[in-house]
């Protein structure tokens, strides 16, 4: 199931990457090990990643220009309007003050820049089941072994409408929203019914 979900997300990201192939300067905010960052390393792009630690896989070190920074405590060492695309995958749910990073992303994007952002849906089916069983509270640690690691908890989770509203309030225009339910994206009929409102991940493409 996880493999299907991962593969589906990767396919969505590859489609988005191709859609904006003319956008050449790319930043991944919260890039982690770089697995999804490198999905955008096509079309002659210059790829940057930022995170609080350098977790890049060895095979990705030469593909990602890495900057170490805690983007909640200080601005990133980049000029205004520097990037064509900013990407943030499953980061915003870990932040108590999400507006700080959204405003920083807005600063970094060119006037026609694109934000691609994803987060787990608060109403995803697995989460609702755990909530009903009393096994899930916010802050929520997806991995209890990481409870002492900064930013490892889900501090705020969002529904589709809540994240859309937050993005619009911070000056972004929604181009497209997508909902992913364990390997099912788009389409019509029963599959779409299951993905609404119990989808696992929410994706937005936004314009500054």
N, C-alpha and C. Protein backbone atom coordinates (compact mmCIF):
# COMPACT_ATOMS: atom_id res chain seq x y z
N UNK A 1 0.83 -1.21 0.00
CA UNK A 1 0.00 0.00 0.00
C UNK A 1 0.86 1.26 0.00
N UNK A 2 1.91 1.25 0.87
CA UNK A 2 2.79 2.42 0.92
C UNK A 2 3.48 2.63 -0.42
N UNK A 3 3.89 1.51 -1.06
CA UNK A 3 4.57 1.62 -2.34
C UNK A 3 3.64 2.24 -3.38
N UNK A 4 2.38 1.80 -3.40
CA UNK A 4 1.42 2.38 -4.33
C UNK A 4 1.25 3.87 -4.08
N UNK A 5 1.16 4.26 -2.83
CA UNK A 5 0.99 5.66 -2.46
C UNK A 5 2.19 6.47 -2.89
N UNK A 6 3.40 5.95 -2.58
CA UNK A 6 4.63 6.65 -2.95
C UNK A 6 4.73 6.79 -4.46
N UNK A 7 4.45 5.72 -5.18
CA UNK A 7 4.54 5.76 -6.63
C UNK A 7 3.57 6.78 -7.22
N UNK A 8 2.37 6.85 -6.64
CA UNK A 8 1.38 7.80 -7.12
C UNK A 8 1.86 9.23 -6.91
N UNK A 9 2.38 9.51 -5.72
CA UNK A 9 2.89 10.85 -5.44
C UNK A 9 4.03 11.20 -6.38
N UNK A 10 4.94 10.25 -6.60
CA UNK A 10 6.06 10.50 -7.51
C UNK A 10 5.57 10.82 -8.92
N UNK A 11 4.54 10.12 -9.37
CA UNK A 11 4.00 10.38 -10.70
C UNK A 11 3.38 11.77 -10.79
N UNK A 12 2.67 12.17 -9.74
CA UNK A 12 2.10 13.52 -9.71
C UNK A 12 3.20 14.56 -9.80
N UNK A 13 4.29 14.36 -9.04
CA UNK A 13 5.38 15.32 -9.04
C UNK A 13 6.09 15.38 -10.38
N UNK A 14 6.25 14.24 -11.03
CA UNK A 14 6.87 14.23 -12.36
C UNK A 14 6.01 15.00 -13.37
N UNK A 15 4.70 14.86 -13.26
CA UNK A 15 3.80 15.60 -14.15
C UNK A 15 3.91 17.10 -13.90
N UNK A 16 3.96 17.48 -12.63
CA UNK A 16 4.09 18.90 -12.29
C UNK A 16 5.43 19.43 -12.78
N UNK A 17 6.49 18.65 -12.60
CA UNK A 17 7.82 19.04 -13.07
C UNK A 17 7.81 19.34 -14.56
N UNK A 18 7.18 18.46 -15.34
CA UNK A 18 7.12 18.65 -16.79
C UNK A 18 6.24 19.85 -17.16
N UNK A 19 5.19 20.06 -16.41
CA UNK A 19 4.27 21.17 -16.67
C UNK A 19 4.98 22.51 -16.60
N UNK A 20 5.93 22.62 -15.68
CA UNK A 20 6.65 23.88 -15.48
C UNK A 20 8.11 23.75 -15.92
N UNK A 21 8.34 23.06 -17.04
CA UNK A 21 9.71 22.79 -17.47
C UNK A 21 10.47 24.06 -17.85
N UNK A 22 9.76 25.15 -18.13
CA UNK A 22 10.44 26.40 -18.45
C UNK A 22 10.95 27.10 -17.20
N UNK A 23 10.53 26.64 -16.03
CA UNK A 23 10.97 27.23 -14.77
C UNK A 23 12.27 26.55 -14.34
N UNK A 24 13.37 27.28 -14.30
CA UNK A 24 14.69 26.66 -14.20
C UNK A 24 15.34 26.70 -12.82
N UNK A 25 14.97 27.63 -11.99
CA UNK A 25 15.63 27.72 -10.67
C UNK A 25 14.66 27.24 -9.60
N UNK A 26 15.02 26.14 -8.94
CA UNK A 26 14.10 25.37 -8.09
C UNK A 26 14.65 25.25 -6.67
N UNK A 27 13.77 25.44 -5.69
CA UNK A 27 14.13 25.28 -4.27
C UNK A 27 13.16 24.33 -3.60
N UNK A 28 13.72 23.36 -2.87
CA UNK A 28 12.92 22.46 -2.04
C UNK A 28 13.12 22.86 -0.58
N UNK A 29 12.06 23.35 0.05
CA UNK A 29 12.11 23.76 1.46
C UNK A 29 11.74 22.57 2.33
N UNK A 30 12.74 22.08 3.08
CA UNK A 30 12.56 20.85 3.86
C UNK A 30 12.83 19.65 2.97
N UNK A 31 14.00 19.64 2.34
CA UNK A 31 14.27 18.65 1.28
C UNK A 31 14.57 17.25 1.79
N UNK A 32 14.87 17.09 3.10
CA UNK A 32 15.13 15.75 3.62
C UNK A 32 16.28 15.07 2.91
N UNK A 33 16.07 13.82 2.51
CA UNK A 33 17.16 13.07 1.86
C UNK A 33 17.26 13.35 0.37
N UNK A 34 16.35 14.17 -0.16
CA UNK A 34 16.43 14.56 -1.57
C UNK A 34 15.70 13.65 -2.53
N UNK A 35 15.03 12.62 -2.01
CA UNK A 35 14.37 11.65 -2.89
C UNK A 35 13.37 12.30 -3.83
N UNK A 36 12.58 13.22 -3.31
CA UNK A 36 11.58 13.88 -4.16
C UNK A 36 12.14 15.14 -4.81
N UNK A 37 13.15 15.73 -4.22
CA UNK A 37 13.80 16.89 -4.82
C UNK A 37 14.30 16.56 -6.22
N UNK A 38 14.96 15.40 -6.35
CA UNK A 38 15.59 15.05 -7.62
C UNK A 38 14.58 14.72 -8.72
N UNK A 39 13.31 14.55 -8.36
CA UNK A 39 12.30 14.35 -9.39
C UNK A 39 12.16 15.60 -10.28
N UNK A 40 12.63 16.73 -9.76
CA UNK A 40 12.57 17.99 -10.52
C UNK A 40 13.89 18.30 -11.22
N UNK A 41 14.88 17.43 -11.07
CA UNK A 41 16.22 17.67 -11.64
C UNK A 41 16.25 17.29 -13.12
N UNK A 42 15.38 17.93 -13.88
CA UNK A 42 15.27 17.71 -15.32
C UNK A 42 15.15 19.06 -16.01
N UNK A 43 15.17 19.04 -17.31
CA UNK A 43 14.93 20.24 -18.11
C UNK A 43 15.96 21.33 -17.83
N UNK A 44 17.18 20.93 -17.46
CA UNK A 44 18.25 21.90 -17.24
C UNK A 44 18.09 22.75 -16.00
N UNK A 45 17.36 22.25 -15.03
CA UNK A 45 17.11 23.04 -13.82
C UNK A 45 18.33 23.13 -12.91
N UNK A 46 18.39 24.24 -12.17
CA UNK A 46 19.34 24.43 -11.08
C UNK A 46 18.58 24.10 -9.80
N UNK A 47 19.03 23.07 -9.08
CA UNK A 47 18.27 22.53 -7.96
C UNK A 47 18.92 22.89 -6.63
N UNK A 48 18.14 23.52 -5.76
CA UNK A 48 18.58 23.87 -4.41
C UNK A 48 17.69 23.15 -3.39
N UNK A 49 18.28 22.81 -2.25
CA UNK A 49 17.52 22.24 -1.15
C UNK A 49 17.94 22.88 0.15
N UNK A 50 16.98 23.06 1.05
CA UNK A 50 17.27 23.62 2.36
C UNK A 50 16.61 22.77 3.42
N UNK A 51 17.32 22.55 4.53
CA UNK A 51 16.78 21.82 5.66
C UNK A 51 17.64 22.14 6.87
N UNK A 52 17.17 21.72 8.05
CA UNK A 52 17.92 22.02 9.28
C UNK A 52 19.13 21.12 9.46
N UNK A 53 19.17 20.01 8.74
CA UNK A 53 20.33 19.12 8.71
C UNK A 53 20.51 18.62 7.27
N UNK A 54 21.73 18.19 6.97
CA UNK A 54 21.98 17.65 5.64
C UNK A 54 21.75 16.14 5.67
N UNK A 55 20.57 15.74 5.21
CA UNK A 55 20.21 14.33 5.17
C UNK A 55 20.29 13.76 3.75
N UNK A 56 20.90 14.47 2.84
CA UNK A 56 20.92 14.02 1.45
C UNK A 56 21.56 12.63 1.30
N UNK A 57 20.95 11.82 0.47
CA UNK A 57 21.58 10.56 0.11
C UNK A 57 22.85 10.85 -0.69
N UNK A 58 23.85 10.00 -0.54
CA UNK A 58 25.13 10.22 -1.22
C UNK A 58 24.96 10.37 -2.73
N UNK A 59 24.04 9.62 -3.29
CA UNK A 59 23.84 9.68 -4.74
C UNK A 59 23.24 11.00 -5.21
N UNK A 60 22.70 11.80 -4.26
CA UNK A 60 22.06 13.06 -4.63
C UNK A 60 22.93 14.28 -4.34
N UNK A 61 24.08 14.09 -3.68
CA UNK A 61 24.88 15.23 -3.22
C UNK A 61 25.27 16.14 -4.37
N UNK A 62 25.62 15.57 -5.51
CA UNK A 62 26.05 16.39 -6.64
C UNK A 62 24.88 16.96 -7.45
N UNK A 63 23.67 16.53 -7.13
CA UNK A 63 22.50 17.00 -7.87
C UNK A 63 21.78 18.14 -7.16
N UNK A 64 22.01 18.29 -5.85
CA UNK A 64 21.28 19.28 -5.05
C UNK A 64 22.26 20.23 -4.39
N UNK A 65 22.12 21.52 -4.65
CA UNK A 65 22.92 22.53 -3.95
C UNK A 65 22.25 22.78 -2.61
N UNK A 66 22.90 22.33 -1.55
CA UNK A 66 22.26 22.30 -0.24
C UNK A 66 22.63 23.51 0.61
N UNK A 67 21.62 24.04 1.32
CA UNK A 67 21.83 25.10 2.30
C UNK A 67 21.24 24.65 3.63
N UNK A 68 22.06 24.69 4.68
CA UNK A 68 21.59 24.33 6.01
C UNK A 68 21.03 25.56 6.69
N UNK A 69 19.77 25.49 7.12
CA UNK A 69 19.15 26.65 7.75
C UNK A 69 17.89 26.22 8.48
N UNK A 70 17.62 26.90 9.58
CA UNK A 70 16.34 26.75 10.27
C UNK A 70 15.46 27.88 9.77
N UNK A 71 14.60 27.58 8.82
CA UNK A 71 13.87 28.63 8.12
C UNK A 71 12.76 29.25 8.95
N UNK A 72 12.55 28.76 10.19
CA UNK A 72 11.60 29.43 11.07
C UNK A 72 12.27 30.49 11.93
N UNK A 73 13.59 30.41 12.05
CA UNK A 73 14.30 31.31 12.94
C UNK A 73 15.00 32.45 12.22
N UNK A 74 15.24 32.29 10.94
CA UNK A 74 15.88 33.36 10.18
C UNK A 74 15.53 33.22 8.71
N UNK A 75 15.69 34.33 7.99
CA UNK A 75 15.43 34.28 6.56
C UNK A 75 16.50 33.45 5.87
N UNK A 76 16.15 32.88 4.76
CA UNK A 76 17.10 32.07 4.01
C UNK A 76 18.10 32.97 3.30
N UNK A 77 19.33 32.50 3.14
CA UNK A 77 20.38 33.33 2.55
C UNK A 77 20.25 33.43 1.03
N UNK A 78 19.13 33.98 0.58
CA UNK A 78 18.87 34.13 -0.85
C UNK A 78 18.22 35.49 -1.08
N UNK A 79 18.47 36.03 -2.25
CA UNK A 79 17.89 37.33 -2.60
C UNK A 79 16.39 37.21 -2.83
N UNK A 80 15.70 38.35 -2.72
CA UNK A 80 14.29 38.39 -3.06
C UNK A 80 14.08 37.97 -4.52
N UNK A 81 12.96 37.31 -4.77
CA UNK A 81 12.54 36.96 -6.13
C UNK A 81 13.63 36.17 -6.87
N UNK A 82 14.21 35.19 -6.19
CA UNK A 82 15.35 34.44 -6.74
C UNK A 82 14.92 33.16 -7.45
N UNK A 83 13.82 32.55 -7.01
CA UNK A 83 13.46 31.22 -7.51
C UNK A 83 12.22 31.26 -8.41
N UNK A 84 12.24 30.34 -9.38
CA UNK A 84 11.09 30.16 -10.27
C UNK A 84 10.05 29.23 -9.65
N UNK A 85 10.53 28.21 -8.94
CA UNK A 85 9.65 27.23 -8.28
C UNK A 85 10.15 27.01 -6.87
N UNK A 86 9.23 27.01 -5.91
CA UNK A 86 9.53 26.54 -4.56
C UNK A 86 8.60 25.37 -4.26
N UNK A 87 9.19 24.32 -3.74
CA UNK A 87 8.48 23.07 -3.45
C UNK A 87 8.61 22.77 -1.96
N UNK A 88 7.53 22.33 -1.35
CA UNK A 88 7.57 21.94 0.07
C UNK A 88 6.65 20.74 0.27
N UNK A 89 7.26 19.59 0.52
CA UNK A 89 6.51 18.35 0.63
C UNK A 89 6.39 17.91 2.09
N UNK A 90 5.15 17.89 2.59
CA UNK A 90 4.86 17.40 3.94
C UNK A 90 5.75 18.05 5.00
N UNK A 91 5.79 19.38 4.96
CA UNK A 91 6.57 20.17 5.92
C UNK A 91 5.65 21.04 6.77
N UNK A 92 4.66 21.67 6.15
CA UNK A 92 3.88 22.69 6.84
C UNK A 92 3.15 22.16 8.06
N UNK A 93 2.80 20.87 8.07
CA UNK A 93 2.10 20.29 9.22
C UNK A 93 3.00 20.19 10.46
N UNK A 94 4.31 20.33 10.28
CA UNK A 94 5.25 20.26 11.39
C UNK A 94 5.49 21.62 12.04
N UNK A 95 4.88 22.68 11.53
CA UNK A 95 5.19 24.04 11.95
C UNK A 95 4.06 24.66 12.75
N UNK A 96 4.39 25.20 13.92
CA UNK A 96 3.39 25.89 14.73
C UNK A 96 3.03 27.24 14.14
N UNK A 97 3.97 27.84 13.41
CA UNK A 97 3.75 29.15 12.80
C UNK A 97 3.92 29.03 11.29
N UNK A 98 2.97 28.44 10.60
CA UNK A 98 3.14 28.20 9.16
C UNK A 98 3.26 29.47 8.34
N UNK A 99 2.70 30.57 8.82
CA UNK A 99 2.75 31.81 8.05
C UNK A 99 4.17 32.32 7.88
N UNK A 100 5.05 32.00 8.83
CA UNK A 100 6.44 32.45 8.73
C UNK A 100 7.08 31.90 7.46
N UNK A 101 6.96 30.60 7.25
CA UNK A 101 7.60 30.01 6.08
C UNK A 101 6.88 30.38 4.79
N UNK A 102 5.55 30.53 4.84
CA UNK A 102 4.83 30.92 3.63
C UNK A 102 5.22 32.33 3.19
N UNK A 103 5.44 33.21 4.14
CA UNK A 103 5.86 34.57 3.79
C UNK A 103 7.29 34.59 3.26
N UNK A 104 8.13 33.71 3.80
CA UNK A 104 9.50 33.61 3.29
C UNK A 104 9.50 33.04 1.87
N UNK A 105 8.68 32.04 1.62
CA UNK A 105 8.55 31.50 0.27
C UNK A 105 8.06 32.58 -0.69
N UNK A 106 7.09 33.35 -0.26
CA UNK A 106 6.56 34.44 -1.09
C UNK A 106 7.67 35.43 -1.44
N UNK A 107 8.53 35.73 -0.49
CA UNK A 107 9.66 36.64 -0.72
C UNK A 107 10.63 36.07 -1.76
N UNK A 108 10.88 34.77 -1.68
CA UNK A 108 11.88 34.14 -2.53
C UNK A 108 11.42 33.92 -3.96
N UNK A 109 10.11 33.84 -4.17
CA UNK A 109 9.58 33.55 -5.50
C UNK A 109 9.59 34.79 -6.40
N UNK A 110 9.89 34.56 -7.66
CA UNK A 110 9.74 35.61 -8.65
C UNK A 110 8.27 35.97 -8.79
N UNK A 111 8.00 37.08 -9.45
CA UNK A 111 6.62 37.56 -9.53
C UNK A 111 5.69 36.57 -10.24
N UNK A 112 6.23 35.76 -11.13
CA UNK A 112 5.43 34.73 -11.79
C UNK A 112 5.80 33.34 -11.28
N UNK A 113 6.38 33.29 -10.07
CA UNK A 113 6.86 32.04 -9.51
C UNK A 113 5.74 31.11 -9.07
N UNK A 114 6.11 29.83 -8.92
CA UNK A 114 5.15 28.77 -8.61
C UNK A 114 5.52 28.12 -7.27
N UNK A 115 4.53 27.98 -6.40
CA UNK A 115 4.67 27.20 -5.17
C UNK A 115 3.94 25.88 -5.35
N UNK A 116 4.64 24.79 -5.03
CA UNK A 116 4.04 23.45 -5.02
C UNK A 116 4.14 22.95 -3.59
N UNK A 117 3.00 22.69 -2.97
CA UNK A 117 2.99 22.34 -1.55
C UNK A 117 2.08 21.14 -1.31
N UNK A 118 2.50 20.29 -0.39
CA UNK A 118 1.73 19.09 -0.05
C UNK A 118 1.69 18.93 1.46
N UNK A 119 0.61 18.31 1.94
CA UNK A 119 0.50 17.99 3.37
C UNK A 119 -0.48 16.82 3.52
N UNK A 120 -0.32 16.01 4.57
CA UNK A 120 -1.33 14.98 4.84
C UNK A 120 -2.68 15.61 5.18
N UNK A 121 -3.73 15.05 4.69
CA UNK A 121 -5.08 15.51 4.98
C UNK A 121 -5.46 15.16 6.42
N UNK A 122 -5.95 16.13 7.18
CA UNK A 122 -6.35 15.85 8.56
C UNK A 122 -7.45 14.80 8.63
N UNK A 123 -8.28 14.74 7.61
CA UNK A 123 -9.40 13.79 7.60
C UNK A 123 -9.08 12.51 6.84
N UNK A 124 -7.79 12.19 6.67
CA UNK A 124 -7.45 10.93 6.01
C UNK A 124 -8.01 9.77 6.82
N UNK A 125 -8.37 8.72 6.13
CA UNK A 125 -9.12 7.63 6.74
C UNK A 125 -8.37 7.00 7.91
N UNK A 126 -7.08 6.72 7.74
CA UNK A 126 -6.31 6.09 8.81
C UNK A 126 -6.28 6.96 10.06
N UNK A 127 -6.14 8.29 9.85
CA UNK A 127 -6.11 9.20 10.99
C UNK A 127 -7.42 9.26 11.73
N UNK A 128 -8.54 9.21 11.00
CA UNK A 128 -9.85 9.24 11.64
C UNK A 128 -10.09 7.99 12.47
N UNK A 129 -9.63 6.85 11.97
CA UNK A 129 -9.78 5.61 12.73
C UNK A 129 -9.00 5.67 14.04
N UNK A 130 -7.76 6.14 13.97
CA UNK A 130 -6.95 6.27 15.19
C UNK A 130 -7.57 7.27 16.15
N UNK A 131 -8.14 8.35 15.61
CA UNK A 131 -8.78 9.36 16.45
C UNK A 131 -9.97 8.77 17.19
N UNK A 132 -10.79 8.00 16.50
CA UNK A 132 -11.95 7.36 17.12
C UNK A 132 -11.55 6.37 18.20
N UNK A 133 -10.39 5.75 18.04
CA UNK A 133 -9.89 4.80 19.03
C UNK A 133 -9.15 5.48 20.17
N UNK A 134 -9.03 6.81 20.10
CA UNK A 134 -8.32 7.55 21.15
C UNK A 134 -6.82 7.39 21.10
N UNK A 135 -6.30 7.02 19.93
CA UNK A 135 -4.86 6.75 19.80
C UNK A 135 -4.12 7.86 19.06
N UNK A 136 -4.81 8.95 18.79
CA UNK A 136 -4.17 9.99 18.00
C UNK A 136 -4.57 11.37 18.52
N UNK A 137 -3.56 12.16 18.88
CA UNK A 137 -3.79 13.51 19.37
C UNK A 137 -2.79 14.45 18.69
N UNK A 138 -3.09 15.73 18.73
CA UNK A 138 -2.20 16.76 18.22
C UNK A 138 -1.59 17.49 19.41
N UNK A 139 -0.24 17.66 19.48
CA UNK A 139 0.75 17.23 18.48
C UNK A 139 0.79 15.71 18.33
N UNK A 140 1.01 15.29 17.09
CA UNK A 140 1.01 13.88 16.75
C UNK A 140 2.38 13.50 16.20
N UNK A 141 2.96 12.42 16.72
CA UNK A 141 4.26 11.95 16.26
C UNK A 141 4.07 10.73 15.36
N UNK A 142 4.26 10.88 14.04
CA UNK A 142 4.16 9.72 13.16
C UNK A 142 5.11 8.60 13.57
N UNK A 143 6.28 8.97 14.10
CA UNK A 143 7.24 8.00 14.63
C UNK A 143 7.55 8.37 16.07
N UNK A 144 7.01 7.64 17.06
CA UNK A 144 7.24 7.97 18.48
C UNK A 144 8.71 8.01 18.86
N UNK A 145 9.56 7.31 18.13
CA UNK A 145 10.99 7.30 18.42
C UNK A 145 11.65 8.64 18.12
N UNK A 146 10.95 9.51 17.40
CA UNK A 146 11.49 10.81 17.04
C UNK A 146 10.91 11.94 17.90
N UNK A 147 10.34 11.62 19.03
CA UNK A 147 9.62 12.62 19.82
C UNK A 147 10.51 13.73 20.34
N UNK A 148 11.80 13.51 20.41
CA UNK A 148 12.72 14.55 20.90
C UNK A 148 13.39 15.33 19.77
N UNK A 149 13.08 14.98 18.55
CA UNK A 149 13.69 15.65 17.41
C UNK A 149 12.84 16.86 17.02
N UNK A 150 13.45 18.06 16.90
CA UNK A 150 12.68 19.25 16.53
C UNK A 150 11.93 19.06 15.21
N UNK A 151 10.71 19.56 15.16
CA UNK A 151 9.87 19.54 13.97
C UNK A 151 9.44 18.14 13.54
N UNK A 152 9.54 17.16 14.43
CA UNK A 152 9.13 15.81 14.05
C UNK A 152 7.63 15.57 14.25
N UNK A 153 7.00 16.38 15.10
CA UNK A 153 5.57 16.21 15.36
C UNK A 153 4.73 16.93 14.32
N UNK A 154 3.52 16.44 14.11
CA UNK A 154 2.53 17.19 13.35
C UNK A 154 1.87 18.17 14.31
N UNK A 155 2.20 19.45 14.18
CA UNK A 155 1.67 20.47 15.08
C UNK A 155 0.28 20.93 14.66
N UNK A 156 0.07 21.04 13.36
CA UNK A 156 -1.23 21.45 12.81
C UNK A 156 -1.48 20.60 11.57
N UNK A 157 -2.65 20.00 11.48
CA UNK A 157 -3.02 19.30 10.26
C UNK A 157 -4.19 20.04 9.60
N UNK A 158 -4.28 19.92 8.30
CA UNK A 158 -5.20 20.74 7.51
C UNK A 158 -6.14 19.87 6.68
N UNK A 159 -7.33 20.40 6.47
CA UNK A 159 -8.20 19.86 5.42
C UNK A 159 -7.87 20.61 4.13
N UNK A 160 -8.44 20.14 3.04
CA UNK A 160 -8.23 20.79 1.74
C UNK A 160 -8.61 22.27 1.81
N UNK A 161 -9.79 22.56 2.33
CA UNK A 161 -10.28 23.94 2.37
C UNK A 161 -9.44 24.81 3.31
N UNK A 162 -8.98 24.24 4.41
CA UNK A 162 -8.18 25.02 5.36
C UNK A 162 -6.84 25.42 4.76
N UNK A 163 -6.19 24.49 4.08
CA UNK A 163 -4.90 24.84 3.47
C UNK A 163 -5.10 25.82 2.32
N UNK A 164 -6.13 25.62 1.54
CA UNK A 164 -6.43 26.56 0.46
C UNK A 164 -6.62 27.97 1.01
N UNK A 165 -7.38 28.10 2.09
CA UNK A 165 -7.64 29.40 2.69
C UNK A 165 -6.35 30.03 3.21
N UNK A 166 -5.51 29.25 3.86
CA UNK A 166 -4.25 29.76 4.39
C UNK A 166 -3.36 30.28 3.27
N UNK A 167 -3.25 29.53 2.20
CA UNK A 167 -2.41 29.94 1.07
C UNK A 167 -2.92 31.23 0.45
N UNK A 168 -4.22 31.34 0.29
CA UNK A 168 -4.79 32.54 -0.32
C UNK A 168 -4.60 33.75 0.59
N UNK A 169 -4.71 33.56 1.89
CA UNK A 169 -4.50 34.67 2.82
C UNK A 169 -3.06 35.17 2.79
N UNK A 170 -2.13 34.29 2.43
CA UNK A 170 -0.72 34.68 2.38
C UNK A 170 -0.28 35.12 0.99
N UNK A 171 -1.25 35.39 0.13
CA UNK A 171 -0.95 36.03 -1.15
C UNK A 171 -0.74 35.12 -2.33
N UNK A 172 -1.09 33.84 -2.21
CA UNK A 172 -0.94 32.90 -3.31
C UNK A 172 -2.28 32.67 -4.01
N UNK A 173 -2.22 32.55 -5.33
CA UNK A 173 -3.40 32.22 -6.13
C UNK A 173 -3.36 30.74 -6.48
N UNK A 174 -4.44 30.03 -6.22
CA UNK A 174 -4.48 28.60 -6.48
C UNK A 174 -4.62 28.34 -7.98
N UNK A 175 -3.70 27.58 -8.53
CA UNK A 175 -3.79 27.14 -9.92
C UNK A 175 -4.55 25.82 -10.00
N UNK A 176 -4.17 24.90 -9.12
CA UNK A 176 -4.77 23.57 -9.14
C UNK A 176 -4.60 22.90 -7.79
N UNK A 177 -5.61 22.17 -7.35
CA UNK A 177 -5.51 21.35 -6.16
C UNK A 177 -5.73 19.89 -6.53
N UNK A 178 -5.03 19.00 -5.84
CA UNK A 178 -5.19 17.56 -6.09
C UNK A 178 -5.32 16.83 -4.77
N UNK A 179 -6.06 15.72 -4.80
CA UNK A 179 -6.25 14.88 -3.62
C UNK A 179 -5.81 13.46 -3.97
N UNK A 180 -4.99 12.88 -3.12
CA UNK A 180 -4.43 11.56 -3.39
C UNK A 180 -4.85 10.60 -2.30
N UNK A 181 -5.38 9.45 -2.71
CA UNK A 181 -5.84 8.45 -1.76
C UNK A 181 -5.16 7.13 -2.06
N UNK A 182 -4.02 6.88 -1.40
CA UNK A 182 -3.31 5.60 -1.50
C UNK A 182 -3.26 5.04 -2.91
N UNK A 183 -2.64 5.81 -3.78
CA UNK A 183 -2.42 5.31 -5.13
C UNK A 183 -3.50 5.67 -6.12
N UNK A 184 -4.49 6.45 -5.69
CA UNK A 184 -5.56 6.84 -6.60
C UNK A 184 -5.58 8.35 -6.71
N UNK A 185 -5.47 8.86 -7.91
CA UNK A 185 -5.52 10.31 -8.09
C UNK A 185 -6.34 10.64 -9.33
N UNK A 186 -7.09 11.70 -9.26
CA UNK A 186 -7.90 12.11 -10.40
C UNK A 186 -9.01 11.13 -10.71
N UNK A 187 -9.53 11.20 -11.94
CA UNK A 187 -10.56 10.27 -12.37
C UNK A 187 -11.92 10.61 -11.77
N UNK A 188 -12.88 9.71 -12.05
CA UNK A 188 -14.24 9.92 -11.58
C UNK A 188 -14.76 8.65 -10.94
N UNK A 189 -16.01 8.67 -10.52
CA UNK A 189 -16.66 7.48 -10.01
C UNK A 189 -16.25 7.15 -8.60
N UNK A 190 -16.27 5.83 -8.28
CA UNK A 190 -16.07 5.36 -6.91
C UNK A 190 -14.73 5.79 -6.34
N UNK A 191 -13.69 5.77 -7.15
CA UNK A 191 -12.37 6.14 -6.65
C UNK A 191 -12.34 7.60 -6.21
N UNK A 192 -12.93 8.47 -6.99
CA UNK A 192 -12.99 9.87 -6.59
C UNK A 192 -13.83 10.05 -5.34
N UNK A 193 -14.90 9.25 -5.22
CA UNK A 193 -15.75 9.33 -4.04
C UNK A 193 -14.95 9.00 -2.78
N UNK A 194 -14.11 7.97 -2.85
CA UNK A 194 -13.31 7.59 -1.69
C UNK A 194 -12.24 8.64 -1.38
N UNK A 195 -11.78 9.34 -2.38
CA UNK A 195 -10.72 10.32 -2.14
C UNK A 195 -11.26 11.63 -1.60
N UNK A 196 -12.57 11.73 -1.45
CA UNK A 196 -13.17 12.97 -0.97
C UNK A 196 -14.20 12.64 0.10
N UNK A 197 -14.01 13.02 1.37
CA UNK A 197 -12.92 13.87 1.84
C UNK A 197 -11.79 13.11 2.53
N UNK A 198 -11.70 11.80 2.33
CA UNK A 198 -10.78 10.97 3.11
C UNK A 198 -9.46 10.72 2.40
N UNK A 199 -9.08 11.57 1.47
CA UNK A 199 -7.80 11.41 0.78
C UNK A 199 -6.65 11.46 1.78
N UNK A 200 -5.53 10.92 1.39
CA UNK A 200 -4.38 10.90 2.28
C UNK A 200 -3.58 12.19 2.18
N UNK A 201 -3.25 12.62 0.97
CA UNK A 201 -2.45 13.82 0.79
C UNK A 201 -3.19 14.88 -0.02
N UNK A 202 -2.85 16.13 0.27
CA UNK A 202 -3.39 17.28 -0.44
C UNK A 202 -2.23 17.97 -1.16
N UNK A 203 -2.40 18.26 -2.43
CA UNK A 203 -1.41 19.00 -3.21
C UNK A 203 -2.02 20.28 -3.73
N UNK A 204 -1.25 21.36 -3.69
CA UNK A 204 -1.66 22.60 -4.35
C UNK A 204 -0.52 23.12 -5.21
N UNK A 205 -0.89 23.55 -6.41
CA UNK A 205 -0.01 24.36 -7.25
C UNK A 205 -0.52 25.79 -7.15
N UNK A 206 0.36 26.71 -6.81
CA UNK A 206 -0.04 28.10 -6.58
C UNK A 206 0.87 29.06 -7.34
N UNK A 207 0.32 30.19 -7.69
CA UNK A 207 1.10 31.26 -8.31
C UNK A 207 1.21 32.42 -7.35
N UNK A 208 2.38 33.02 -7.33
CA UNK A 208 2.59 34.18 -6.46
C UNK A 208 1.74 35.35 -6.94
